[in-house]
């Protein structure tokens, strides 16, 4: 079945279409895409993955046409960053 694996980060952006066996998992698709080889900091055990913007476990089975996304770790807490941009405004 055909699935896609997507990644966007400072190293580049990739969208790889590949054929996987029925019952393939999200992590198997990521490893089969070749994208991890391009990422210096990829760690399969701690990688966060999603399918169409919804977080999924590594062993989540895929369906035809799914897009598996590799998520980067957050560099800053979104709430703290927003407060800093707003100048520390508090009610």
C-alpha atoms as a PDB file:
ATOM      1  CA  UNK A   1       0.000   0.000   0.000  1.00  0.00           C
ATOM      2  CA  UNK A   2       1.165   3.554  -0.630  1.00  0.00           C
ATOM      3  CA  UNK A   3       1.881   5.940   2.259  1.00  0.00           C
ATOM      4  CA  UNK A   4       3.856   9.157   2.630  1.00  0.00           C
ATOM      5  CA  UNK A   5       6.383  10.211   5.248  1.00  0.00           C
ATOM      6  CA  UNK A   6       6.880  13.931   5.877  1.00  0.00           C
ATOM      7  CA  UNK A   7       9.465  15.976   7.755  1.00  0.00           C
ATOM      8  CA  UNK A   8      10.157  19.715   7.881  1.00  0.00           C
ATOM      9  CA  UNK A   9      12.991  21.233   9.864  1.00  0.00           C
ATOM     10  CA  UNK A  10      16.225  23.180   9.663  1.00  0.00           C
ATOM     11  CA  UNK A  11      17.872  20.254   7.867  1.00  0.00           C
ATOM     12  CA  UNK A  12      15.335  20.447   5.037  1.00  0.00           C
ATOM     13  CA  UNK A  13      11.858  19.403   4.016  1.00  0.00           C
ATOM     14  CA  UNK A  14      11.035  15.985   2.647  1.00  0.00           C
ATOM     15  CA  UNK A  15       7.878  14.230   1.533  1.00  0.00           C
ATOM     16  CA  UNK A  16       8.616  10.652   0.547  1.00  0.00           C
ATOM     17  CA  UNK A  17       6.025   8.337  -0.989  1.00  0.00           C
ATOM     18  CA  UNK A  18       6.690   4.647  -0.483  1.00  0.00           C
ATOM     19  CA  UNK A  19       5.082   1.243  -0.722  1.00  0.00           C
ATOM     20  CA  UNK A  20       4.783  -0.674   2.544  1.00  0.00           C
ATOM     21  CA  UNK A  21       3.313  -4.059   3.413  1.00  0.00           C
ATOM     22  CA  UNK A  22      -0.229  -4.280   4.748  1.00  0.00           C
ATOM     23  CA  UNK A  23      -0.100  -3.910   8.525  1.00  0.00           C
ATOM     24  CA  UNK A  24       3.066  -1.780   8.455  1.00  0.00           C
ATOM     25  CA  UNK A  25       3.486   0.539  11.418  1.00  0.00           C
ATOM     26  CA  UNK A  26       4.209   4.250  11.541  1.00  0.00           C
ATOM     27  CA  UNK A  27       7.802   3.662  12.670  1.00  0.00           C
ATOM     28  CA  UNK A  28       8.424   1.066   9.950  1.00  0.00           C
ATOM     29  CA  UNK A  29       7.312   3.586   7.324  1.00  0.00           C
ATOM     30  CA  UNK A  30       9.571   6.280   8.778  1.00  0.00           C
ATOM     31  CA  UNK A  31      12.584   3.982   8.826  1.00  0.00           C
ATOM     32  CA  UNK A  32      11.815   2.786   5.286  1.00  0.00           C
ATOM     33  CA  UNK A  33      11.573   6.344   3.959  1.00  0.00           C
ATOM     34  CA  UNK A  34      15.280   7.072   4.355  1.00  0.00           C
ATOM     35  CA  UNK A  35      14.561  10.400   6.065  1.00  0.00           C
ATOM     36  CA  UNK A  36      16.174   9.428   9.411  1.00  0.00           C
ATOM     37  CA  UNK A  37      19.505   8.924   7.633  1.00  0.00           C
ATOM     38  CA  UNK A  38      19.414  12.616   6.658  1.00  0.00           C
ATOM     39  CA  UNK A  39      18.783  13.786  10.240  1.00  0.00           C
ATOM     40  CA  UNK A  40      21.759  13.996  12.558  1.00  0.00           C
ATOM     41  CA  UNK A  41      19.644  13.985  15.716  1.00  0.00           C
ATOM     42  CA  UNK A  42      17.016  11.348  14.853  1.00  0.00           C
ATOM     43  CA  UNK A  43      16.406   8.865  17.654  1.00  0.00           C
ATOM     44  CA  UNK A  44      13.852   6.201  16.727  1.00  0.00           C
ATOM     45  CA  UNK A  45      12.922   5.455  20.334  1.00  0.00           C
ATOM     46  CA  UNK A  46      12.082   9.034  21.311  1.00  0.00           C
ATOM     47  CA  UNK A  47      10.781  10.274  17.945  1.00  0.00           C
ATOM     48  CA  UNK A  48       7.269  11.711  18.031  1.00  0.00           C
ATOM     49  CA  UNK A  49       5.129  10.642  15.086  1.00  0.00           C
ATOM     50  CA  UNK A  50       1.709  11.526  13.781  1.00  0.00           C
ATOM     51  CA  UNK A  51      -0.689  10.654  10.990  1.00  0.00           C
ATOM     52  CA  UNK A  52      -2.441  13.644   9.424  1.00  0.00           C
ATOM     53  CA  UNK A  53      -1.593  15.904  12.411  1.00  0.00           C
ATOM     54  CA  UNK A  54      -2.729  13.445  15.089  1.00  0.00           C
ATOM     55  CA  UNK A  55      -0.096  11.937  17.374  1.00  0.00           C
ATOM     56  CA  UNK A  56       0.168   8.154  17.090  1.00  0.00           C
ATOM     57  CA  UNK A  57       2.283   5.515  18.839  1.00  0.00           C
ATOM     58  CA  UNK A  58       5.150   3.958  16.899  1.00  0.00           C
ATOM     59  CA  UNK A  59       3.279   0.666  16.524  1.00  0.00           C
ATOM     60  CA  UNK A  60       0.156   2.271  15.057  1.00  0.00           C
ATOM     61  CA  UNK A  61      -0.895   0.352  11.916  1.00  0.00           C
ATOM     62  CA  UNK A  62      -1.164   2.387   8.730  1.00  0.00           C
ATOM     63  CA  UNK A  63      -3.846   2.506   6.065  1.00  0.00           C
ATOM     64  CA  UNK A  64      -3.592   3.186   2.361  1.00  0.00           C
ATOM     65  CA  UNK A  65      -2.848   6.862   1.699  1.00  0.00           C
ATOM     66  CA  UNK A  66      -1.777   7.785   5.261  1.00  0.00           C
ATOM     67  CA  UNK A  67       0.807  10.552   5.706  1.00  0.00           C
ATOM     68  CA  UNK A  68       3.166   9.848   8.599  1.00  0.00           C
ATOM     69  CA  UNK A  69       4.743  12.994  10.049  1.00  0.00           C
ATOM     70  CA  UNK A  70       7.974  13.175  12.031  1.00  0.00           C
ATOM     71  CA  UNK A  71       7.666  15.870  14.706  1.00  0.00           C
ATOM     72  CA  UNK A  72      10.620  17.853  16.021  1.00  0.00           C
ATOM     73  CA  UNK A  73      11.000  18.470  19.768  1.00  0.00           C
ATOM     74  CA  UNK A  74       9.797  21.848  21.001  1.00  0.00           C
ATOM     75  CA  UNK A  75      12.571  24.338  21.679  1.00  0.00           C
ATOM     76  CA  UNK A  76      10.420  26.490  23.969  1.00  0.00           C
ATOM     77  CA  UNK A  77       7.187  26.103  25.880  1.00  0.00           C
ATOM     78  CA  UNK A  78       4.487  27.696  23.659  1.00  0.00           C
ATOM     79  CA  UNK A  79       2.746  29.384  26.604  1.00  0.00           C
ATOM     80  CA  UNK A  80       5.972  30.889  27.918  1.00  0.00           C
ATOM     81  CA  UNK A  81       6.956  32.086  24.449  1.00  0.00           C
ATOM     82  CA  UNK A  82       3.576  33.764  23.992  1.00  0.00           C
ATOM     83  CA  UNK A  83       3.847  35.500  27.366  1.00  0.00           C
ATOM     84  CA  UNK A  84       7.325  36.739  26.463  1.00  0.00           C
ATOM     85  CA  UNK A  85       6.076  38.138  23.134  1.00  0.00           C
ATOM     86  CA  UNK A  86       3.210  39.871  24.937  1.00  0.00           C
ATOM     87  CA  UNK A  87       5.656  41.533  27.327  1.00  0.00           C
ATOM     88  CA  UNK A  88       4.696  39.532  30.376  1.00  0.00           C
ATOM     89  CA  UNK A  89       1.163  40.966  30.468  1.00  0.00           C
ATOM     90  CA  UNK A  90      -0.827  39.504  33.386  1.00  0.00           C
ATOM     91  CA  UNK A  91      -4.433  40.045  34.383  1.00  0.00           C
END
